[in-house]
Amino acid sequence: MSTPLGTYRHLTQCSTENGHFVVLAIDHRANLLDALNQSAGKDYSDKAFSDFKLEVVDALIPDASALLIDPAYGMARGIAKGIIGTQHGILLPLEVTNYNIHPSERELSFIKGWSIEKLKYSGGTGVKLLLNYHPDAETAPQKHEMVRRIIDDCKRYEIPFFLEPIAYALPPNNTLTSKAKRRIVIKSAKTFAKMGVDVLKVEFPALPTDNEATWQDAVTELNAACGDTPWVLLSAGVAFETFRRQTEFACKAGASGVIVGRAVWAEAVTLQAAERHNFLQGEAKQRIKQLTKICADHATDWRTKMPPPNTAFDWYQA
């Protein structure tokens, strides 16, 4: 079976010429705004919040293959101001996440007035959904059905679906052990890969405190679980040096790149004016350059895992 031409085209727009994803993530909303307000000691206006996002994007997008940003505070102004150009893919979220509620109690909520149809028509090149997920939870079947509906919609509009399943512990007062996190991350990847998502955006399947032999075993098992579905590593807010090493392990095991946010730019939240500018143009830029090189050296071309589109002369009739 061939990959729909639109989906294939959008994936090439989101990746490097060698088929690697180096996606800058700044789709954060309520939690990021709270952190900015706390650091500044005052409430950010909508414009100030948008300006922060676009300052980060302006500094770091030249070294990325694509951008994951929200439709409200980032996409429209970024395009209109020329900060988000035609050379970068744009991934956009569907969900609203309430971080004040434990993941086991979060209902899947969608951005009001936003849809895959609007995302496609406004120039988006990928759909992203963060899904708090535990395979043993009572809500798992309902979440499976929701994912299937999104898969169908993405196929209808020929736009790639990047699914981000996030593990959590049962019951809510427990914390995930290394063994539990590995099981959930890998089982989630296997489940959703079989359903037919286009790209899996996954957590590192081990804890930062685990030894490197455990890391190696875990990413090898994760790659096998993903099968022919390309996967990328998310940063999950860990320190940059930790994420840099995780990226090396993941890419050597078969990952097709990274979608990275706070590990690169988190310190900018606590800085102001010239200090923020200097950090973004200096340390943060060097960080994303390092990740780009790791992906170039070790990541798997996503095109080796997905069949090419139908190129027969009558493809549009079929």
C-alpha atoms as a PDB file:
ATOM      1  CA  MET A   1       0.000   0.000   0.000  1.00  0.00           C
ATOM      2  CA  SER A   2       1.311   3.448  -0.900  1.00  0.00           C
ATOM      3  CA  THR A   3       1.375   6.518   1.351  1.00  0.00           C
ATOM      4  CA  PRO A   4      -1.091   9.238   0.260  1.00  0.00           C
ATOM      5  CA  LEU A   5       0.784  11.851  -1.747  1.00  0.00           C
ATOM      6  CA  GLY A   6      -0.394  14.732   0.459  1.00  0.00           C
ATOM      7  CA  THR A   7       0.721  12.975   3.637  1.00  0.00           C
ATOM      8  CA  TYR A   8       4.084  12.127   2.092  1.00  0.00           C
ATOM      9  CA  ARG A   9       4.566  15.687   0.859  1.00  0.00           C
ATOM     10  CA  HIS A  10       3.739  17.162   4.278  1.00  0.00           C
ATOM     11  CA  LEU A  11       6.190  14.819   5.993  1.00  0.00           C
ATOM     12  CA  THR A  12       8.962  15.937   3.640  1.00  0.00           C
ATOM     13  CA  GLN A  13       8.106  19.548   4.541  1.00  0.00           C
ATOM     14  CA  CYS A  14       8.540  18.690   8.238  1.00  0.00           C
ATOM     15  CA  SER A  15      11.880  16.899   7.887  1.00  0.00           C
ATOM     16  CA  THR A  16      15.380  17.582   6.645  1.00  0.00           C
ATOM     17  CA  GLU A  17      16.474  16.603   3.146  1.00  0.00           C
ATOM     18  CA  ASN A  18      17.830  13.402   4.719  1.00  0.00           C
ATOM     19  CA  GLY A  19      14.469  12.493   6.241  1.00  0.00           C
ATOM     20  CA  HIS A  20      15.117  13.508   9.849  1.00  0.00           C
ATOM     21  CA  PHE A  21      12.736  15.448  12.079  1.00  0.00           C
ATOM     22  CA  VAL A  22      14.251  18.280  14.119  1.00  0.00           C
ATOM     23  CA  VAL A  23      11.095  19.995  15.305  1.00  0.00           C
ATOM     24  CA  LEU A  24      11.134  23.030  17.590  1.00  0.00           C
ATOM     25  CA  ALA A  25       8.212  22.782  20.034  1.00  0.00           C
ATOM     26  CA  ILE A  26       6.581  25.814  21.603  1.00  0.00           C
ATOM     27  CA  ASP A  27       2.899  24.901  21.541  1.00  0.00           C
ATOM     28  CA  HIS A  28       2.763  25.218  25.354  1.00  0.00           C
ATOM     29  CA  ARG A  29      -0.022  27.455  26.591  1.00  0.00           C
ATOM     30  CA  ALA A  30      -1.437  27.642  30.139  1.00  0.00           C
ATOM     31  CA  ASN A  31       1.588  26.152  31.900  1.00  0.00           C
ATOM     32  CA  LEU A  32       4.031  28.357  29.972  1.00  0.00           C
ATOM     33  CA  LEU A  33       1.943  31.472  30.546  1.00  0.00           C
ATOM     34  CA  ASP A  34       1.821  30.734  34.294  1.00  0.00           C
ATOM     35  CA  ALA A  35       5.614  30.382  34.376  1.00  0.00           C
ATOM     36  CA  LEU A  36       6.120  33.665  32.512  1.00  0.00           C
ATOM     37  CA  ASN A  37       3.693  35.503  34.802  1.00  0.00           C
ATOM     38  CA  GLN A  38       5.436  34.146  37.880  1.00  0.00           C
ATOM     39  CA  SER A  39       8.886  35.070  36.606  1.00  0.00           C
ATOM     40  CA  ALA A  40       7.852  38.593  35.573  1.00  0.00           C
ATOM     41  CA  GLY A  41       5.794  39.232  38.688  1.00  0.00           C
ATOM     42  CA  LYS A  42       2.897  40.410  36.538  1.00  0.00           C
ATOM     43  CA  ASP A  43       0.399  39.037  34.052  1.00  0.00           C
ATOM     44  CA  TYR A  44       1.472  38.822  30.429  1.00  0.00           C
ATOM     45  CA  SER A  45      -0.976  40.240  27.877  1.00  0.00           C
ATOM     46  CA  ASP A  46      -1.938  38.071  24.911  1.00  0.00           C
ATOM     47  CA  LYS A  47       0.431  40.088  22.736  1.00  0.00           C
ATOM     48  CA  ALA A  48       3.322  39.793  25.197  1.00  0.00           C
ATOM     49  CA  PHE A  49       2.777  36.028  25.404  1.00  0.00           C
ATOM     50  CA  SER A  50       2.768  35.789  21.615  1.00  0.00           C
ATOM     51  CA  ASP A  51       5.858  38.008  21.409  1.00  0.00           C
ATOM     52  CA  PHE A  52       7.744  35.642  23.731  1.00  0.00           C
ATOM     53  CA  LYS A  53       6.899  32.648  21.579  1.00  0.00           C
ATOM     54  CA  LEU A  54       7.891  34.400  18.377  1.00  0.00           C
ATOM     55  CA  GLU A  55      11.173  35.597  19.879  1.00  0.00           C
ATOM     56  CA  VAL A  56      12.026  31.967  20.640  1.00  0.00           C
ATOM     57  CA  VAL A  57      10.945  30.859  17.175  1.00  0.00           C
ATOM     58  CA  ASP A  58      12.846  33.635  15.411  1.00  0.00           C
ATOM     59  CA  ALA A  59      16.066  32.655  17.164  1.00  0.00           C
ATOM     60  CA  LEU A  60      15.836  28.878  16.803  1.00  0.00           C
ATOM     61  CA  ILE A  61      13.787  27.982  13.731  1.00  0.00           C
ATOM     62  CA  PRO A  62      16.700  28.420  11.263  1.00  0.00           C
ATOM     63  CA  ASP A  63      18.262  25.264  12.741  1.00  0.00           C
ATOM     64  CA  ALA A  64      15.023  23.256  12.850  1.00  0.00           C
ATOM     65  CA  SER A  65      13.195  21.329  10.137  1.00  0.00           C
ATOM     66  CA  ALA A  66       9.735  22.226  11.404  1.00  0.00           C
ATOM     67  CA  LEU A  67       7.825  23.988  14.139  1.00  0.00           C
ATOM     68  CA  LEU A  68       5.218  22.749  16.623  1.00  0.00           C
ATOM     69  CA  ILE A  69       3.241  25.809  17.674  1.00  0.00           C
ATOM     70  CA  ASP A  70      -0.291  26.702  18.764  1.00  0.00           C
ATOM     71  CA  PRO A  71      -2.820  28.342  16.420  1.00  0.00           C
ATOM     72  CA  ALA A  72      -3.822  31.158  18.803  1.00  0.00           C
ATOM     73  CA  TYR A  73      -0.582  32.781  19.968  1.00  0.00           C
ATOM     74  CA  GLY A  74       1.921  31.523  17.418  1.00  0.00           C
ATOM     75  CA  MET A  75       0.891  30.439  13.965  1.00  0.00           C
ATOM     76  CA  ALA A  76      -1.020  33.377  12.491  1.00  0.00           C
ATOM     77  CA  ARG A  77       1.230  36.193  13.762  1.00  0.00           C
ATOM     78  CA  GLY A  78       4.338  34.133  13.028  1.00  0.00           C
ATOM     79  CA  ILE A  79       3.347  33.705   9.390  1.00  0.00           C
ATOM     80  CA  ALA A  80       2.144  37.289   8.993  1.00  0.00           C
ATOM     81  CA  LYS A  81       5.375  38.699  10.469  1.00  0.00           C
ATOM     82  CA  GLY A  82       7.527  36.493   8.239  1.00  0.00           C
ATOM     83  CA  ILE A  83       9.066  34.622  11.166  1.00  0.00           C
ATOM     84  CA  ILE A  84       7.549  31.315  10.059  1.00  0.00           C
ATOM     85  CA  GLY A  85       8.598  30.941   6.441  1.00  0.00           C
ATOM     86  CA  THR A  86       7.759  28.550   3.654  1.00  0.00           C
ATOM     87  CA  GLN A  87      10.833  26.395   4.238  1.00  0.00           C
ATOM     88  CA  HIS A  88       9.532  24.944   7.518  1.00  0.00           C
ATOM     89  CA  GLY A  89       6.669  22.583   8.210  1.00  0.00           C
ATOM     90  CA  ILE A  90       4.105  23.602  10.830  1.00  0.00           C
ATOM     91  CA  LEU A  91       2.697  21.059  13.274  1.00  0.00           C
ATOM     92  CA  LEU A  92      -0.322  22.186  15.274  1.00  0.00           C
ATOM     93  CA  PRO A  93      -2.010  20.687  18.338  1.00  0.00           C
ATOM     94  CA  LEU A  94      -5.633  19.691  18.653  1.00  0.00           C
ATOM     95  CA  GLU A  95      -5.856  19.436  22.437  1.00  0.00           C
ATOM     96  CA  VAL A  96      -6.099  21.618  25.515  1.00  0.00           C
ATOM     97  CA  THR A  97      -4.299  20.154  28.536  1.00  0.00           C
ATOM     98  CA  ASN A  98      -5.134  21.001  32.151  1.00  0.00           C
ATOM     99  CA  TYR A  99      -1.909  20.386  34.064  1.00  0.00           C
ATOM    100  CA  ASN A 100      -3.619  21.094  37.385  1.00  0.00           C
ATOM    101  CA  ILE A 101      -5.368  17.732  37.220  1.00  0.00           C
ATOM    102  CA  HIS A 102      -3.646  14.356  37.517  1.00  0.00           C
ATOM    103  CA  PRO A 103      -3.304  12.669  34.099  1.00  0.00           C
ATOM    104  CA  SER A 104      -5.587   9.813  35.188  1.00  0.00           C
ATOM    105  CA  GLU A 105      -8.389  12.335  35.716  1.00  0.00           C
ATOM    106  CA  ARG A 106      -7.882  14.495  32.612  1.00  0.00           C
ATOM    107  CA  GLU A 107     -10.570  14.309  29.989  1.00  0.00           C
ATOM    108  CA  LEU A 108      -9.437  14.775  26.415  1.00  0.00           C
ATOM    109  CA  SER A 109     -10.398  18.349  25.520  1.00  0.00           C
ATOM    110  CA  PHE A 110     -10.003  20.008  22.140  1.00  0.00           C
ATOM    111  CA  ILE A 111      -9.225  23.611  21.213  1.00  0.00           C
ATOM    112  CA  LYS A 112     -12.557  25.378  20.763  1.00  0.00           C
ATOM    113  CA  GLY A 113     -13.309  26.347  17.173  1.00  0.00           C
ATOM    114  CA  TRP A 114     -10.280  24.463  15.828  1.00  0.00           C
ATOM    115  CA  SER A 115     -10.304  21.349  13.647  1.00  0.00           C
ATOM    116  CA  ILE A 116      -8.189  19.239  11.328  1.00  0.00           C
ATOM    117  CA  GLU A 117     -10.045  20.806   8.415  1.00  0.00           C
ATOM    118  CA  LYS A 118      -9.147  24.350   9.541  1.00  0.00           C
ATOM    119  CA  LEU A 119      -5.581  23.240  10.260  1.00  0.00           C
ATOM    120  CA  LYS A 120      -5.205  21.925   6.726  1.00  0.00           C
ATOM    121  CA  TYR A 121      -6.798  24.923   5.013  1.00  0.00           C
ATOM    122  CA  SER A 122      -4.736  27.437   7.004  1.00  0.00           C
ATOM    123  CA  GLY A 123      -1.455  25.905   5.871  1.00  0.00           C
ATOM    124  CA  GLY A 124      -0.611  23.433   8.628  1.00  0.00           C
ATOM    125  CA  THR A 125       1.502  20.467   7.629  1.00  0.00           C
ATOM    126  CA  GLY A 126       0.917  18.120  10.564  1.00  0.00           C
ATOM    127  CA  VAL A 127      -1.550  17.268  13.328  1.00  0.00           C
ATOM    128  CA  LYS A 128      -0.346  16.661  16.886  1.00  0.00           C
ATOM    129  CA  LEU A 129      -2.330  15.176  19.770  1.00  0.00           C
ATOM    130  CA  LEU A 130      -1.052  14.801  23.326  1.00  0.00           C
ATOM    131  CA  LEU A 131      -2.846  11.835  24.874  1.00  0.00           C
ATOM    132  CA  ASN A 132      -2.452  10.967  28.549  1.00  0.00           C
ATOM    133  CA  TYR A 133      -2.595   7.195  28.294  1.00  0.00           C
ATOM    134  CA  HIS A 134      -2.342   4.050  30.388  1.00  0.00           C
ATOM    135  CA  PRO A 135      -3.133   0.754  28.651  1.00  0.00           C
ATOM    136  CA  ASP A 136      -4.801  -0.617  31.801  1.00  0.00           C
ATOM    137  CA  ALA A 137      -6.998   2.415  32.520  1.00  0.00           C
ATOM    138  CA  GLU A 138     -10.770   2.202  32.161  1.00  0.00           C
ATOM    139  CA  THR A 139     -10.601   5.109  29.705  1.00  0.00           C
ATOM    140  CA  ALA A 140      -8.233   3.306  27.310  1.00  0.00           C
ATOM    141  CA  PRO A 141     -10.960   1.970  24.935  1.00  0.00           C
ATOM    142  CA  GLN A 142     -12.538   5.423  24.570  1.00  0.00           C
ATOM    143  CA  LYS A 143      -9.135   6.921  23.801  1.00  0.00           C
ATOM    144  CA  HIS A 144      -8.506   4.213  21.203  1.00  0.00           C
ATOM    145  CA  GLU A 145     -11.750   5.175  19.489  1.00  0.00           C
ATOM    146  CA  MET A 146     -10.844   8.880  19.542  1.00  0.00           C
ATOM    147  CA  VAL A 147      -7.445   8.142  17.994  1.00  0.00           C
ATOM    148  CA  ARG A 148      -9.106   6.061  15.273  1.00  0.00           C
ATOM    149  CA  ARG A 149     -11.408   8.959  14.387  1.00  0.00           C
ATOM    150  CA  ILE A 150      -8.453  11.345  14.146  1.00  0.00           C
ATOM    151  CA  ILE A 151      -6.584   8.851  11.970  1.00  0.00           C
ATOM    152  CA  ASP A 152      -9.589   8.717   9.636  1.00  0.00           C
ATOM    153  CA  ASP A 153      -9.832  12.527   9.485  1.00  0.00           C
ATOM    154  CA  CYS A 154      -6.125  12.871   8.774  1.00  0.00           C
ATOM    155  CA  LYS A 155      -6.403  10.325   5.984  1.00  0.00           C
ATOM    156  CA  ARG A 156      -9.338  12.283   4.539  1.00  0.00           C
ATOM    157  CA  TYR A 157      -7.274  15.475   4.395  1.00  0.00           C
ATOM    158  CA  GLU A 158      -3.991  13.689   3.615  1.00  0.00           C
ATOM    159  CA  ILE A 159      -2.150  15.294   6.519  1.00  0.00           C
ATOM    160  CA  PRO A 160       0.199  13.401   8.860  1.00  0.00           C
ATOM    161  CA  PHE A 161      -0.844  12.562  12.405  1.00  0.00           C
ATOM    162  CA  PHE A 162       1.827  12.854  15.127  1.00  0.00           C
ATOM    163  CA  LEU A 163       0.515  11.123  18.271  1.00  0.00           C
ATOM    164  CA  GLU A 164       2.103  11.827  21.666  1.00  0.00           C
ATOM    165  CA  PRO A 165       1.020   9.210  24.249  1.00  0.00           C
ATOM    166  CA  ILE A 166       2.124  10.239  27.760  1.00  0.00           C
ATOM    167  CA  ALA A 167       2.434   7.581  30.451  1.00  0.00           C
ATOM    168  CA  TYR A 168       1.102   7.989  33.962  1.00  0.00           C
ATOM    169  CA  ALA A 169       0.786   5.870  37.092  1.00  0.00           C
ATOM    170  CA  LEU A 170      -2.253   4.073  38.454  1.00  0.00           C
ATOM    171  CA  PRO A 171      -3.448   5.013  41.046  1.00  0.00           C
ATOM    172  CA  PRO A 172      -2.872   8.819  40.988  1.00  0.00           C
ATOM    173  CA  ASN A 173      -0.782   8.965  44.171  1.00  0.00           C
ATOM    174  CA  ASN A 174       1.807   6.546  42.763  1.00  0.00           C
ATOM    175  CA  THR A 175       4.898   7.493  40.784  1.00  0.00           C
ATOM    176  CA  LEU A 176       6.089   5.585  37.758  1.00  0.00           C
ATOM    177  CA  THR A 177       8.920   3.165  38.390  1.00  0.00           C
ATOM    178  CA  SER A 178      11.444   2.550  35.645  1.00  0.00           C
ATOM    179  CA  LYS A 179       9.920  -0.854  34.890  1.00  0.00           C
ATOM    180  CA  ALA A 180       6.381   0.545  34.759  1.00  0.00           C
ATOM    181  CA  LYS A 181       7.304   3.479  32.542  1.00  0.00           C
ATOM    182  CA  ARG A 182       9.106   1.213  30.102  1.00  0.00           C
ATOM    183  CA  ARG A 183       6.135  -1.145  29.891  1.00  0.00           C
ATOM    184  CA  ILE A 184       3.601   1.643  29.342  1.00  0.00           C
ATOM    185  CA  VAL A 185       5.671   3.565  26.785  1.00  0.00           C
ATOM    186  CA  ILE A 186       6.424   0.451  24.760  1.00  0.00           C
ATOM    187  CA  LYS A 187       2.925  -1.008  24.941  1.00  0.00           C
ATOM    188  CA  SER A 188       1.469   2.371  23.939  1.00  0.00           C
ATOM    189  CA  ALA A 189       3.826   2.590  20.960  1.00  0.00           C
ATOM    190  CA  LYS A 190       2.902  -0.902  19.804  1.00  0.00           C
ATOM    191  CA  THR A 191      -0.836  -0.230  20.196  1.00  0.00           C
ATOM    192  CA  PHE A 192      -0.914   3.048  18.286  1.00  0.00           C
ATOM    193  CA  ALA A 193       1.560   1.948  15.612  1.00  0.00           C
ATOM    194  CA  LYS A 194      -0.789  -0.907  14.749  1.00  0.00           C
ATOM    195  CA  MET A 195      -3.704   1.542  14.564  1.00  0.00           C
ATOM    196  CA  GLY A 196      -1.951   3.467  11.814  1.00  0.00           C
ATOM    197  CA  VAL A 197      -0.746   6.800  13.197  1.00  0.00           C
ATOM    198  CA  ASP A 198       1.839   8.338  10.885  1.00  0.00           C
ATOM    199  CA  VAL A 199       4.519   9.318  13.429  1.00  0.00           C
ATOM    200  CA  LEU A 200       4.820   8.480  17.120  1.00  0.00           C
ATOM    201  CA  LYS A 201       6.125  11.234  19.389  1.00  0.00           C
ATOM    202  CA  VAL A 202       7.342   9.224  22.367  1.00  0.00           C
ATOM    203  CA  GLU A 203       8.878   9.617  25.784  1.00  0.00           C
ATOM    204  CA  PHE A 204      12.259   8.112  26.537  1.00  0.00           C
ATOM    205  CA  PRO A 205      11.332   4.624  27.794  1.00  0.00           C
ATOM    206  CA  ALA A 206      13.560   4.723  30.892  1.00  0.00           C
ATOM    207  CA  LEU A 207      14.261   7.079  33.768  1.00  0.00           C
ATOM    208  CA  PRO A 208      17.201   9.519  33.698  1.00  0.00           C
ATOM    209  CA  THR A 209      18.578   7.747  36.790  1.00  0.00           C
ATOM    210  CA  ASP A 210      18.728   4.345  35.068  1.00  0.00           C
ATOM    211  CA  ASN A 211      22.100   3.108  33.853  1.00  0.00           C
ATOM    212  CA  GLU A 212      23.016   3.265  30.176  1.00  0.00           C
ATOM    213  CA  ALA A 213      22.673  -0.485  29.688  1.00  0.00           C
ATOM    214  CA  THR A 214      19.022  -0.127  30.716  1.00  0.00           C
ATOM    215  CA  TRP A 215      18.662   2.846  28.362  1.00  0.00           C
ATOM    216  CA  GLN A 216      20.040   0.781  25.486  1.00  0.00           C
ATOM    217  CA  ASP A 217      17.742  -2.183  26.108  1.00  0.00           C
ATOM    218  CA  ALA A 218      14.724   0.094  26.472  1.00  0.00           C
ATOM    219  CA  VAL A 219      15.207   2.060  23.227  1.00  0.00           C
ATOM    220  CA  THR A 220      15.936  -1.142  21.306  1.00  0.00           C
ATOM    221  CA  GLU A 221      12.661  -2.621  22.553  1.00  0.00           C
ATOM    222  CA  LEU A 222      10.834   0.625  21.763  1.00  0.00           C
ATOM    223  CA  ASN A 223      12.104   0.684  18.190  1.00  0.00           C
ATOM    224  CA  ALA A 224      10.919  -2.894  17.684  1.00  0.00           C
ATOM    225  CA  ALA A 225       7.501  -1.984  19.117  1.00  0.00           C
ATOM    226  CA  CYS A 226       7.110   0.882  16.631  1.00  0.00           C
ATOM    227  CA  GLY A 227       7.711  -1.472  13.709  1.00  0.00           C
ATOM    228  CA  ASP A 228       7.288   0.376  10.417  1.00  0.00           C
ATOM    229  CA  THR A 229       5.959   3.530  12.101  1.00  0.00           C
ATOM    230  CA  PRO A 230       8.545   6.339  12.323  1.00  0.00           C
ATOM    231  CA  TRP A 231       9.087   7.663  15.833  1.00  0.00           C
ATOM    232  CA  VAL A 232      10.634  10.768  17.328  1.00  0.00           C
ATOM    233  CA  LEU A 233      11.779  11.529  20.849  1.00  0.00           C
ATOM    234  CA  LEU A 234      10.175  14.259  22.947  1.00  0.00           C
ATOM    235  CA  SER A 235      12.143  16.147  25.567  1.00  0.00           C
ATOM    236  CA  ALA A 236       9.568  16.053  28.407  1.00  0.00           C
ATOM    237  CA  GLY A 237      11.228  19.016  30.108  1.00  0.00           C
ATOM    238  CA  VAL A 238      14.434  17.209  31.117  1.00  0.00           C
ATOM    239  CA  ALA A 239      17.719  19.113  31.330  1.00  0.00           C
ATOM    240  CA  PHE A 240      19.458  19.592  27.998  1.00  0.00           C
ATOM    241  CA  GLU A 241      22.469  17.375  28.716  1.00  0.00           C
ATOM    242  CA  THR A 242      20.155  14.528  29.674  1.00  0.00           C
ATOM    243  CA  PHE A 243      18.098  14.988  26.520  1.00  0.00           C
ATOM    244  CA  ARG A 244      21.210  15.202  24.350  1.00  0.00           C
ATOM    245  CA  ARG A 245      22.325  11.777  25.584  1.00  0.00           C
ATOM    246  CA  GLN A 246      18.803  10.372  25.261  1.00  0.00           C
ATOM    247  CA  THR A 247      18.715  11.626  21.676  1.00  0.00           C
ATOM    248  CA  GLU A 248      21.941   9.783  20.872  1.00  0.00           C
ATOM    249  CA  PHE A 249      20.573   6.520  22.263  1.00  0.00           C
ATOM    250  CA  ALA A 250      17.189   6.938  20.554  1.00  0.00           C
ATOM    251  CA  CYS A 251      18.580   7.865  17.130  1.00  0.00           C
ATOM    252  CA  LYS A 252      21.130   5.062  17.160  1.00  0.00           C
ATOM    253  CA  ALA A 253      18.287   2.658  18.002  1.00  0.00           C
ATOM    254  CA  GLY A 254      16.074   3.778  15.119  1.00  0.00           C
ATOM    255  CA  ALA A 255      14.374   7.092  15.962  1.00  0.00           C
ATOM    256  CA  SER A 256      13.836   9.500  13.073  1.00  0.00           C
ATOM    257  CA  GLY A 257      14.625  12.614  15.113  1.00  0.00           C
ATOM    258  CA  VAL A 258      13.304  14.781  17.910  1.00  0.00           C
ATOM    259  CA  ILE A 259      10.545  17.196  18.830  1.00  0.00           C
ATOM    260  CA  VAL A 260      12.152  19.410  21.435  1.00  0.00           C
ATOM    261  CA  GLY A 261      10.975  22.364  23.470  1.00  0.00           C
ATOM    262  CA  ARG A 262      11.924  23.240  27.030  1.00  0.00           C
ATOM    263  CA  ALA A 263      15.187  21.280  26.999  1.00  0.00           C
ATOM    264  CA  VAL A 264      16.420  23.908  24.538  1.00  0.00           C
ATOM    265  CA  TRP A 265      14.731  27.173  25.545  1.00  0.00           C
ATOM    266  CA  ALA A 266      13.390  26.787  29.133  1.00  0.00           C
ATOM    267  CA  GLU A 267      15.789  29.296  30.729  1.00  0.00           C
ATOM    268  CA  ALA A 268      14.432  32.059  28.486  1.00  0.00           C
ATOM    269  CA  VAL A 269      11.287  32.080  30.643  1.00  0.00           C
ATOM    270  CA  THR A 270      13.198  33.512  33.606  1.00  0.00           C
ATOM    271  CA  LEU A 271      15.193  36.063  31.595  1.00  0.00           C
ATOM    272  CA  GLN A 272      14.234  39.488  30.334  1.00  0.00           C
ATOM    273  CA  ALA A 273      15.183  41.754  27.437  1.00  0.00           C
ATOM    274  CA  ALA A 274      18.879  41.558  26.480  1.00  0.00           C
ATOM    275  CA  GLU A 275      19.599  38.557  28.706  1.00  0.00           C
ATOM    276  CA  ARG A 276      16.826  36.575  27.054  1.00  0.00           C
ATOM    277  CA  HIS A 277      17.981  37.613  23.584  1.00  0.00           C
ATOM    278  CA  ASN A 278      21.592  36.648  24.322  1.00  0.00           C
ATOM    279  CA  PHE A 279      20.570  33.263  25.743  1.00  0.00           C
ATOM    280  CA  LEU A 280      18.390  32.400  22.755  1.00  0.00           C
ATOM    281  CA  GLN A 281      20.995  33.533  20.222  1.00  0.00           C
ATOM    282  CA  GLY A 282      23.801  31.831  22.127  1.00  0.00           C
ATOM    283  CA  GLU A 283      23.251  28.794  24.365  1.00  0.00           C
ATOM    284  CA  ALA A 284      19.815  27.808  23.045  1.00  0.00           C
ATOM    285  CA  LYS A 285      20.943  28.047  19.421  1.00  0.00           C
ATOM    286  CA  GLN A 286      23.981  25.882  20.156  1.00  0.00           C
ATOM    287  CA  ARG A 287      21.743  23.295  21.802  1.00  0.00           C
ATOM    288  CA  ILE A 288      19.497  22.850  18.802  1.00  0.00           C
ATOM    289  CA  LYS A 289      22.547  22.734  16.526  1.00  0.00           C
ATOM    290  CA  GLN A 290      23.895  19.855  18.625  1.00  0.00           C
ATOM    291  CA  LEU A 291      20.622  17.957  18.317  1.00  0.00           C
ATOM    292  CA  THR A 292      20.520  18.595  14.570  1.00  0.00           C
ATOM    293  CA  LYS A 293      23.997  17.081  14.220  1.00  0.00           C
ATOM    294  CA  ILE A 294      23.097  14.015  16.292  1.00  0.00           C
ATOM    295  CA  CYS A 295      20.060  13.440  14.089  1.00  0.00           C
ATOM    296  CA  ALA A 296      22.118  13.943  10.927  1.00  0.00           C
ATOM    297  CA  ASP A 297      24.722  11.449  12.143  1.00  0.00           C
ATOM    298  CA  HIS A 298      22.492   8.742  13.594  1.00  0.00           C
ATOM    299  CA  ALA A 299      18.738   9.127  12.953  1.00  0.00           C
ATOM    300  CA  THR A 300      16.764   6.855  10.635  1.00  0.00           C
ATOM    301  CA  ASP A 301      15.269   8.370   7.491  1.00  0.00           C
ATOM    302  CA  TRP A 302      11.488   8.138   8.002  1.00  0.00           C
ATOM    303  CA  ARG A 303      11.122   7.325   4.298  1.00  0.00           C
ATOM    304  CA  THR A 304      12.714   3.919   4.901  1.00  0.00           C
ATOM    305  CA  LYS A 305       9.737   3.007   7.098  1.00  0.00           C
ATOM    306  CA  MET A 306       6.874   4.301   4.950  1.00  0.00           C
ATOM    307  CA  PRO A 307       6.004   3.211   1.411  1.00  0.00           C
ATOM    308  CA  PRO A 308       6.382   5.877  -1.285  1.00  0.00           C
ATOM    309  CA  PRO A 309       3.287   7.446  -2.844  1.00  0.00           C
ATOM    310  CA  ASN A 310       1.639   6.160  -5.977  1.00  0.00           C
ATOM    311  CA  THR A 311       3.522   7.713  -8.895  1.00  0.00           C
ATOM    312  CA  ALA A 312       1.563   6.154 -11.746  1.00  0.00           C
ATOM    313  CA  PHE A 313       0.552   8.674 -14.401  1.00  0.00           C
ATOM    314  CA  ASP A 314      -3.094   8.293 -13.384  1.00  0.00           C
ATOM    315  CA  TRP A 315      -2.454   8.484  -9.626  1.00  0.00           C
ATOM    316  CA  TYR A 316      -4.977  11.301  -9.148  1.00  0.00           C
ATOM    317  CA  GLN A 317      -7.727   9.151 -10.657  1.00  0.00           C
ATOM    318  CA  ALA A 318      -6.999   6.299  -8.249  1.00  0.00           C
END
